[in-house]
């Protein structure tokens, strides 16, 4: 859609004539706006420290990042390349799966041990040995599981 608005560019404050530039998010830009999501992770700290607005024009982004791109696509391509480079390898995935299985096995073992210790204490799991409670006064005060004995 052609820009029918005119005014100062939200990124670099240069005048943009009607029919030129881009109108997005309620603001006029002299070129396609660059947001934080469009910037690769390696360049993001520099961008975040300088840009306090939600977006800037490509001209201002090139000044901030020290690049000379004509369009936003090279930034996006660099971002995609960094993402692919940071993906885990199949060996790392298998190692993570093995580590997860080990952690889950240790957790199951710990839970079984806790259950055995709880049963050895011979305490009712519902009332924790109290046998009754004022909260159960309407139903007879006694625990329905141990019938007031507090034993398991």
C-alpha atoms as a PDB file:
ATOM      1  CA  UNK A   1       0.000   0.000   0.000  1.00  0.00           C
ATOM      2  CA  UNK A   2       1.391   3.378  -0.968  1.00  0.00           C
ATOM      3  CA  UNK A   3       2.034   5.877   1.796  1.00  0.00           C
ATOM      4  CA  UNK A   4      -0.489   8.713   1.534  1.00  0.00           C
ATOM      5  CA  UNK A   5       0.854  10.567   4.567  1.00  0.00           C
ATOM      6  CA  UNK A   6       3.660  13.081   4.710  1.00  0.00           C
ATOM      7  CA  UNK A   7       5.785  14.258   7.600  1.00  0.00           C
ATOM      8  CA  UNK A   8       9.027  13.612   9.412  1.00  0.00           C
ATOM      9  CA  UNK A   9      10.511  10.128   9.389  1.00  0.00           C
ATOM     10  CA  UNK A  10      10.048   8.486  12.786  1.00  0.00           C
ATOM     11  CA  UNK A  11      13.585   7.069  12.603  1.00  0.00           C
ATOM     12  CA  UNK A  12      15.818   9.808  11.171  1.00  0.00           C
ATOM     13  CA  UNK A  13      13.542  12.896  11.351  1.00  0.00           C
ATOM     14  CA  UNK A  14      13.964  13.728   7.633  1.00  0.00           C
ATOM     15  CA  UNK A  15      10.944  14.973   5.709  1.00  0.00           C
ATOM     16  CA  UNK A  16       8.983  12.305   3.826  1.00  0.00           C
ATOM     17  CA  UNK A  17       6.638  13.445   1.047  1.00  0.00           C
ATOM     18  CA  UNK A  18       3.202  11.949   0.508  1.00  0.00           C
ATOM     19  CA  UNK A  19       3.462   8.856  -1.680  1.00  0.00           C
ATOM     20  CA  UNK A  20       7.054   8.190  -0.600  1.00  0.00           C
ATOM     21  CA  UNK A  21       8.324   6.086   2.273  1.00  0.00           C
ATOM     22  CA  UNK A  22       6.315   3.691   4.412  1.00  0.00           C
ATOM     23  CA  UNK A  23       3.471   4.249   6.869  1.00  0.00           C
ATOM     24  CA  UNK A  24       3.439   1.648   9.646  1.00  0.00           C
ATOM     25  CA  UNK A  25       2.273   1.551  13.247  1.00  0.00           C
ATOM     26  CA  UNK A  26       0.889   5.058  12.999  1.00  0.00           C
ATOM     27  CA  UNK A  27       4.239   6.575  11.963  1.00  0.00           C
ATOM     28  CA  UNK A  28       5.860   7.643   8.686  1.00  0.00           C
ATOM     29  CA  UNK A  29       9.253   6.126   7.806  1.00  0.00           C
ATOM     30  CA  UNK A  30      11.548   7.091   4.927  1.00  0.00           C
ATOM     31  CA  UNK A  31      12.228   3.379   4.281  1.00  0.00           C
ATOM     32  CA  UNK A  32      11.092   0.019   5.617  1.00  0.00           C
ATOM     33  CA  UNK A  33      11.102   0.106   9.448  1.00  0.00           C
ATOM     34  CA  UNK A  34      13.556  -2.077  11.347  1.00  0.00           C
ATOM     35  CA  UNK A  35      12.400  -3.481  14.693  1.00  0.00           C
ATOM     36  CA  UNK A  36      14.312  -5.315  17.405  1.00  0.00           C
ATOM     37  CA  UNK A  37      13.023  -8.619  15.992  1.00  0.00           C
ATOM     38  CA  UNK A  38      14.673  -7.935  12.617  1.00  0.00           C
ATOM     39  CA  UNK A  39      18.156  -7.448  14.095  1.00  0.00           C
ATOM     40  CA  UNK A  40      20.475 -10.484  14.486  1.00  0.00           C
ATOM     41  CA  UNK A  41      21.519 -11.464  18.018  1.00  0.00           C
ATOM     42  CA  UNK A  42      25.138 -10.436  17.403  1.00  0.00           C
ATOM     43  CA  UNK A  43      24.087  -6.840  16.588  1.00  0.00           C
ATOM     44  CA  UNK A  44      21.174  -6.573  19.029  1.00  0.00           C
ATOM     45  CA  UNK A  45      23.060  -5.082  22.062  1.00  0.00           C
ATOM     46  CA  UNK A  46      24.221  -2.132  19.965  1.00  0.00           C
ATOM     47  CA  UNK A  47      20.719  -1.661  18.561  1.00  0.00           C
ATOM     48  CA  UNK A  48      18.974  -1.935  21.964  1.00  0.00           C
ATOM     49  CA  UNK A  49      21.360   0.545  23.600  1.00  0.00           C
ATOM     50  CA  UNK A  50      20.690   3.184  20.950  1.00  0.00           C
ATOM     51  CA  UNK A  51      17.082   2.662  19.837  1.00  0.00           C
ATOM     52  CA  UNK A  52      14.576   3.651  22.499  1.00  0.00           C
ATOM     53  CA  UNK A  53      11.621   3.586  20.107  1.00  0.00           C
ATOM     54  CA  UNK A  54       9.843   0.502  18.763  1.00  0.00           C
ATOM     55  CA  UNK A  55      11.420   0.875  15.313  1.00  0.00           C
ATOM     56  CA  UNK A  56      13.707   3.028  13.173  1.00  0.00           C
ATOM     57  CA  UNK A  57      14.086   3.476   9.437  1.00  0.00           C
ATOM     58  CA  UNK A  58      16.691   1.417   7.577  1.00  0.00           C
ATOM     59  CA  UNK A  59      18.894   4.507   7.099  1.00  0.00           C
ATOM     60  CA  UNK A  60      19.106   5.066  10.871  1.00  0.00           C
ATOM     61  CA  UNK A  61      19.548   1.319  11.511  1.00  0.00           C
ATOM     62  CA  UNK A  62      22.534   1.287   9.132  1.00  0.00           C
ATOM     63  CA  UNK A  63      24.089   4.191  11.075  1.00  0.00           C
ATOM     64  CA  UNK A  64      23.566   2.399  14.398  1.00  0.00           C
ATOM     65  CA  UNK A  65      24.735  -1.031  13.243  1.00  0.00           C
ATOM     66  CA  UNK A  66      27.548   0.187  11.002  1.00  0.00           C
ATOM     67  CA  UNK A  67      26.085  -1.551   7.941  1.00  0.00           C
ATOM     68  CA  UNK A  68      25.202  -0.345   4.443  1.00  0.00           C
ATOM     69  CA  UNK A  69      22.171  -2.448   3.490  1.00  0.00           C
ATOM     70  CA  UNK A  70      19.774  -1.246   0.794  1.00  0.00           C
ATOM     71  CA  UNK A  71      16.934  -3.395   2.152  1.00  0.00           C
ATOM     72  CA  UNK A  72      16.076  -5.206   5.363  1.00  0.00           C
ATOM     73  CA  UNK A  73      16.526  -8.691   3.842  1.00  0.00           C
ATOM     74  CA  UNK A  74      20.313  -8.974   4.512  1.00  0.00           C
ATOM     75  CA  UNK A  75      19.630  -8.348   8.232  1.00  0.00           C
ATOM     76  CA  UNK A  76      16.970 -11.038   8.228  1.00  0.00           C
ATOM     77  CA  UNK A  77      19.247 -13.442   6.323  1.00  0.00           C
ATOM     78  CA  UNK A  78      22.018 -12.860   8.883  1.00  0.00           C
ATOM     79  CA  UNK A  79      19.511 -13.505  11.661  1.00  0.00           C
ATOM     80  CA  UNK A  80      18.397 -16.775  10.011  1.00  0.00           C
ATOM     81  CA  UNK A  81      22.052 -17.857   9.572  1.00  0.00           C
ATOM     82  CA  UNK A  82      22.795 -17.172  13.260  1.00  0.00           C
ATOM     83  CA  UNK A  83      19.683 -19.137  14.257  1.00  0.00           C
ATOM     84  CA  UNK A  84      20.702 -22.141  12.139  1.00  0.00           C
ATOM     85  CA  UNK A  85      24.255 -21.976  13.497  1.00  0.00           C
ATOM     86  CA  UNK A  86      22.943 -22.086  17.088  1.00  0.00           C
ATOM     87  CA  UNK A  87      20.699 -25.119  16.547  1.00  0.00           C
ATOM     88  CA  UNK A  88      21.839 -28.177  18.514  1.00  0.00           C
ATOM     89  CA  UNK A  89      23.520 -31.006  16.637  1.00  0.00           C
ATOM     90  CA  UNK A  90      21.969 -34.486  16.623  1.00  0.00           C
ATOM     91  CA  UNK A  91      24.660 -35.605  19.095  1.00  0.00           C
ATOM     92  CA  UNK A  92      23.731 -32.781  21.485  1.00  0.00           C
ATOM     93  CA  UNK A  93      20.054 -33.690  21.181  1.00  0.00           C
ATOM     94  CA  UNK A  94      20.776 -37.341  22.029  1.00  0.00           C
ATOM     95  CA  UNK A  95      22.960 -36.282  24.975  1.00  0.00           C
ATOM     96  CA  UNK A  96      20.147 -34.052  26.278  1.00  0.00           C
ATOM     97  CA  UNK A  97      17.643 -36.905  25.935  1.00  0.00           C
ATOM     98  CA  UNK A  98      19.950 -39.269  27.823  1.00  0.00           C
ATOM     99  CA  UNK A  99      20.459 -36.650  30.548  1.00  0.00           C
ATOM    100  CA  UNK A 100      16.674 -36.166  30.812  1.00  0.00           C
ATOM    101  CA  UNK A 101      16.117 -39.924  31.161  1.00  0.00           C
ATOM    102  CA  UNK A 102      18.725 -40.067  33.915  1.00  0.00           C
ATOM    103  CA  UNK A 103      17.123 -37.158  35.786  1.00  0.00           C
ATOM    104  CA  UNK A 104      13.654 -38.712  35.497  1.00  0.00           C
ATOM    105  CA  UNK A 105      14.955 -42.074  36.734  1.00  0.00           C
ATOM    106  CA  UNK A 106      16.578 -40.389  39.747  1.00  0.00           C
ATOM    107  CA  UNK A 107      13.342 -38.505  40.425  1.00  0.00           C
ATOM    108  CA  UNK A 108      11.276 -41.726  40.314  1.00  0.00           C
ATOM    109  CA  UNK A 109      13.743 -43.380  42.686  1.00  0.00           C
ATOM    110  CA  UNK A 110      13.566 -40.435  45.103  1.00  0.00           C
ATOM    111  CA  UNK A 111       9.748 -40.443  45.023  1.00  0.00           C
ATOM    112  CA  UNK A 112       9.603 -44.190  45.702  1.00  0.00           C
ATOM    113  CA  UNK A 113      11.961 -43.712  48.634  1.00  0.00           C
ATOM    114  CA  UNK A 114       9.850 -40.855  50.026  1.00  0.00           C
ATOM    115  CA  UNK A 115       6.699 -42.963  49.709  1.00  0.00           C
ATOM    116  CA  UNK A 116       8.367 -45.867  51.524  1.00  0.00           C
ATOM    117  CA  UNK A 117       9.481 -43.518  54.317  1.00  0.00           C
ATOM    118  CA  UNK A 118       5.964 -42.087  54.575  1.00  0.00           C
ATOM    119  CA  UNK A 119       4.426 -45.554  54.807  1.00  0.00           C
ATOM    120  CA  UNK A 120       7.022 -46.552  57.419  1.00  0.00           C
ATOM    121  CA  UNK A 121       5.921 -43.638  59.624  1.00  0.00           C
ATOM    122  CA  UNK A 122       2.413 -45.150  59.542  1.00  0.00           C
ATOM    123  CA  UNK A 123       0.658 -41.775  59.371  1.00  0.00           C
ATOM    124  CA  UNK A 124      -2.648 -41.129  57.598  1.00  0.00           C
ATOM    125  CA  UNK A 125      -1.979 -39.199  54.352  1.00  0.00           C
ATOM    126  CA  UNK A 126      -5.280 -37.294  54.614  1.00  0.00           C
ATOM    127  CA  UNK A 127      -5.131 -35.903  58.144  1.00  0.00           C
ATOM    128  CA  UNK A 128      -1.373 -36.384  58.738  1.00  0.00           C
ATOM    129  CA  UNK A 129      -1.961 -38.219  61.982  1.00  0.00           C
ATOM    130  CA  UNK A 130      -4.415 -35.764  63.572  1.00  0.00           C
ATOM    131  CA  UNK A 131      -7.377 -38.152  63.333  1.00  0.00           C
ATOM    132  CA  UNK A 132      -9.838 -35.288  62.983  1.00  0.00           C
ATOM    133  CA  UNK A 133     -10.262 -31.616  62.329  1.00  0.00           C
ATOM    134  CA  UNK A 134     -12.639 -28.772  63.107  1.00  0.00           C
ATOM    135  CA  UNK A 135     -13.065 -28.394  59.334  1.00  0.00           C
ATOM    136  CA  UNK A 136     -14.859 -31.773  59.353  1.00  0.00           C
ATOM    137  CA  UNK A 137     -17.138 -30.902  62.285  1.00  0.00           C
ATOM    138  CA  UNK A 138     -20.284 -31.081  60.106  1.00  0.00           C
ATOM    139  CA  UNK A 139     -19.413 -34.645  59.028  1.00  0.00           C
ATOM    140  CA  UNK A 140     -18.494 -35.980  62.458  1.00  0.00           C
ATOM    141  CA  UNK A 141     -15.026 -34.450  63.083  1.00  0.00           C
ATOM    142  CA  UNK A 142     -13.250 -37.716  62.215  1.00  0.00           C
ATOM    143  CA  UNK A 143     -11.042 -38.338  59.195  1.00  0.00           C
ATOM    144  CA  UNK A 144     -12.861 -40.588  56.703  1.00  0.00           C
ATOM    145  CA  UNK A 145      -9.651 -42.346  55.681  1.00  0.00           C
ATOM    146  CA  UNK A 146      -8.311 -43.469  59.083  1.00  0.00           C
ATOM    147  CA  UNK A 147     -11.587 -43.138  61.050  1.00  0.00           C
ATOM    148  CA  UNK A 148      -9.895 -40.932  63.640  1.00  0.00           C
ATOM    149  CA  UNK A 149      -6.942 -43.201  64.447  1.00  0.00           C
ATOM    150  CA  UNK A 150      -4.341 -41.106  62.542  1.00  0.00           C
ATOM    151  CA  UNK A 151      -2.705 -44.359  61.317  1.00  0.00           C
ATOM    152  CA  UNK A 152      -2.167 -45.313  57.689  1.00  0.00           C
END
